[in-house]
C-alpha atoms as a PDB file:
ATOM      1  CA  MET A   1     -12.449  65.833 -68.681  1.00  0.00           C
ATOM      2  CA  ILE A   2      -9.982  67.762 -67.926  1.00  0.00           C
ATOM      3  CA  TYR A   3      -9.743  65.856 -64.837  1.00  0.00           C
ATOM      4  CA  ILE A   4      -9.866  62.229 -66.420  1.00  0.00           C
ATOM      5  CA  ILE A   5      -6.356  63.594 -68.352  1.00  0.00           C
ATOM      6  CA  PHE A   6      -4.824  65.121 -65.377  1.00  0.00           C
ATOM      7  CA  THR A   7      -5.287  62.279 -63.625  1.00  0.00           C
ATOM      8  CA  ILE A   8      -4.151  59.869 -66.091  1.00  0.00           C
ATOM      9  CA  LEU A   9      -1.264  61.736 -66.603  1.00  0.00           C
ATOM     10  CA  CYS A  10      -0.427  61.906 -62.744  1.00  0.00           C
ATOM     11  CA  ILE A  11      -0.599  58.005 -62.321  1.00  0.00           C
ATOM     12  CA  GLY A  12       1.415  58.015 -65.714  1.00  0.00           C
ATOM     13  CA  SER A  13       3.732  60.022 -64.335  1.00  0.00           C
ATOM     14  CA  LEU A  14       4.216  57.885 -60.678  1.00  0.00           C
ATOM     15  CA  ILE A  15       4.584  54.354 -62.731  1.00  0.00           C
ATOM     16  CA  TYR A  16       7.490  56.477 -64.788  1.00  0.00           C
ATOM     17  CA  LEU A  17       8.989  57.611 -61.461  1.00  0.00           C
ATOM     18  CA  THR A  18       8.565  54.870 -59.467  1.00  0.00           C
ATOM     19  CA  LEU A  19       9.575  52.295 -61.944  1.00  0.00           C
ATOM     20  CA  PRO A  20      13.095  52.270 -61.373  1.00  0.00           C
ATOM     21  CA  PHE A  21      13.031  51.864 -57.667  1.00  0.00           C
ATOM     22  CA  ILE A  22      10.901  48.626 -58.074  1.00  0.00           C
ATOM     23  CA  GLN A  23      13.188  47.245 -60.511  1.00  0.00           C
ATOM     24  CA  GLY A  24      16.407  47.818 -58.369  1.00  0.00           C
ATOM     25  CA  ALA A  25      15.018  46.413 -55.449  1.00  0.00           C
ATOM     26  CA  ASN A  26      14.434  43.112 -57.616  1.00  0.00           C
ATOM     27  CA  VAL A  27      18.184  43.790 -58.908  1.00  0.00           C
ATOM     28  CA  ALA A  28      19.155  44.012 -55.158  1.00  0.00           C
ATOM     29  CA  LEU A  29      17.468  41.166 -54.283  1.00  0.00           C
ATOM     30  CA  GLU A  30      18.835  38.906 -57.420  1.00  0.00           C
ATOM     31  CA  ALA A  31      22.413  39.826 -56.355  1.00  0.00           C
ATOM     32  CA  ASN A  32      21.964  39.179 -52.593  1.00  0.00           C
ATOM     33  CA  TYR A  33      20.584  35.469 -53.993  1.00  0.00           C
ATOM     34  CA  LEU A  34      23.744  35.140 -56.458  1.00  0.00           C
ATOM     35  CA  GLU A  35      26.397  36.266 -54.209  1.00  0.00           C
ATOM     36  CA  ASN A  36      24.920  33.903 -50.972  1.00  0.00           C
ATOM     37  CA  ARG A  37      25.013  31.063 -54.008  1.00  0.00           C
ATOM     38  CA  SER A  38      28.171  31.901 -54.481  1.00  0.00           C
ATOM     39  CA  SER A  39      29.685  32.190 -51.388  1.00  0.00           C
ATOM     40  CA  LYS A  40      27.874  28.784 -50.564  1.00  0.00           C
ATOM     41  CA  ASP A  41      29.744  26.875 -53.450  1.00  0.00           C
ATOM     42  CA  SER A  42      32.854  28.620 -52.845  1.00  0.00           C
ATOM     43  CA  LYS A  43      32.776  27.378 -49.517  1.00  0.00           C
ATOM     44  CA  ILE A  44      32.114  23.507 -50.793  1.00  0.00           C
ATOM     45  CA  GLU A  45      34.678  23.982 -53.025  1.00  0.00           C
ATOM     46  CA  GLN A  46      37.006  24.937 -49.898  1.00  0.00           C
ATOM     47  CA  LEU A  47      36.232  22.367 -47.879  1.00  0.00           C
ATOM     48  CA  SER A  48      36.388  20.085 -50.535  1.00  0.00           C
ATOM     49  CA  ASP A  49      40.106  21.245 -50.942  1.00  0.00           C
ATOM     50  CA  HIS A  50      40.720  20.970 -47.228  1.00  0.00           C
ATOM     51  CA  ILE A  51      39.133  17.310 -46.949  1.00  0.00           C
ATOM     52  CA  GLN A  52      41.449  16.261 -49.829  1.00  0.00           C
ATOM     53  CA  SER A  53      44.218  18.153 -48.652  1.00  0.00           C
ATOM     54  CA  LEU A  54      43.834  16.182 -45.133  1.00  0.00           C
ATOM     55  CA  LYS A  55      43.951  12.734 -47.110  1.00  0.00           C
ATOM     56  CA  LEU A  56      47.147  13.635 -48.502  1.00  0.00           C
ATOM     57  CA  ALA A  57      48.729  14.330 -44.956  1.00  0.00           C
ATOM     58  CA  LEU A  58      47.160  11.606 -43.596  1.00  0.00           C
ATOM     59  CA  ARG A  59      48.783   9.533 -45.953  1.00  0.00           C
ATOM     60  CA  ASP A  60      52.261  11.252 -46.028  1.00  0.00           C
ATOM     61  CA  LEU A  61      52.199  10.614 -42.274  1.00  0.00           C
ATOM     62  CA  ASP A  62      51.627   6.889 -42.511  1.00  0.00           C
ATOM     63  CA  GLN A  63      54.366   6.682 -45.070  1.00  0.00           C
ATOM     64  CA  GLU A  64      56.550   8.693 -42.233  1.00  0.00           C
ATOM     65  CA  ASN A  65      55.435   6.795 -39.557  1.00  0.00           C
ATOM     66  CA  LYS A  66      56.527   3.221 -41.532  1.00  0.00           C
ATOM     67  CA  ILE A  67      59.924   4.499 -42.196  1.00  0.00           C
ATOM     68  CA  GLY A  68      59.872   5.502 -38.214  1.00  0.00           C
ATOM     69  CA  LYS A  69      60.433   9.385 -39.048  1.00  0.00           C
ATOM     70  CA  ILE A  70      57.866  10.236 -36.473  1.00  0.00           C
ATOM     71  CA  ASP A  71      57.661   9.467 -32.809  1.00  0.00           C
ATOM     72  CA  PRO A  72      54.823   6.520 -32.748  1.00  0.00           C
ATOM     73  CA  GLY A  73      53.034   9.181 -29.889  1.00  0.00           C
ATOM     74  CA  ASP A  74      53.519  11.360 -31.845  1.00  0.00           C
ATOM     75  CA  PHE A  75      52.149  10.133 -34.780  1.00  0.00           C
ATOM     76  CA  GLU A  76      48.999   8.655 -32.696  1.00  0.00           C
ATOM     77  CA  SER A  77      48.059  12.036 -31.348  1.00  0.00           C
ATOM     78  CA  ILE A  78      48.379  13.541 -35.071  1.00  0.00           C
ATOM     79  CA  LYS A  79      46.717  10.955 -36.998  1.00  0.00           C
ATOM     80  CA  ASP A  80      43.493  11.467 -34.329  1.00  0.00           C
ATOM     81  CA  GLU A  81      43.823  15.033 -34.588  1.00  0.00           C
ATOM     82  CA  MET A  82      43.489  14.806 -38.568  1.00  0.00           C
ATOM     83  CA  LEU A  83      41.236  12.331 -38.064  1.00  0.00           C
ATOM     84  CA  ILE A  84      38.679  14.653 -36.239  1.00  0.00           C
ATOM     85  CA  ASP A  85      38.967  17.220 -38.203  1.00  0.00           C
ATOM     86  CA  TRP A  86      38.073  15.355 -41.431  1.00  0.00           C
ATOM     87  CA  LYS A  87      35.165  14.083 -39.813  1.00  0.00           C
ATOM     88  CA  TYR A  88      34.162  17.748 -38.710  1.00  0.00           C
ATOM     89  CA  SER A  89      34.965  18.981 -42.593  1.00  0.00           C
ATOM     90  CA  GLU A  90      32.486  16.096 -43.802  1.00  0.00           C
ATOM     91  CA  GLU A  91      29.874  17.003 -41.643  1.00  0.00           C
ATOM     92  CA  GLN A  92      30.765  20.611 -42.762  1.00  0.00           C
ATOM     93  CA  LEU A  93      30.241  19.797 -46.501  1.00  0.00           C
ATOM     94  CA  ASN A  94      27.477  17.580 -46.003  1.00  0.00           C
ATOM     95  CA  ARG A  95      25.222  19.939 -44.473  1.00  0.00           C
ATOM     96  CA  LEU A  96      26.179  22.760 -47.148  1.00  0.00           C
ATOM     97  CA  LYS A  97      25.366  20.409 -49.565  1.00  0.00           C
ATOM     98  CA  SER A  98      21.853  19.500 -48.283  1.00  0.00           C
ATOM     99  CA  LYS A  99      21.231  23.361 -47.855  1.00  0.00           C
ATOM    100  CA  THR A 100      21.889  24.300 -51.742  1.00  0.00           C
ATOM    101  CA  LEU A 101      19.906  21.327 -52.992  1.00  0.00           C
END
C-alpha cells in the first residue's frame, strides 16, 4: 500500500514539474509561428508599397519625358529598369501570397 502511494506521488510530482516545460515548448512554437507569419505579412506590405511607389515613379517619369525634361535615351533605360523591378516585385508578392494561403 505504501509503495502504491509513493509511486502515485512520484508520478504526480514528475507531471507537476515537467508540465511548465511542455507548455513552454508549445508557447515557443506558437510564438515562432506568429513571428514568421507577421514577417511574411510585413514583407507583403513592403512589396505592395514598393510596387505602388514604382507605379508613381513611372507616371512621373512619363510626365517628365512628355515635357522634355529628360533625355529620350535615359527615359527608355530608366523605364526599362523600373519595369523589370516592378515585374520582379510582383512575382515575389504573388509567391508570398500563395505561401500564406
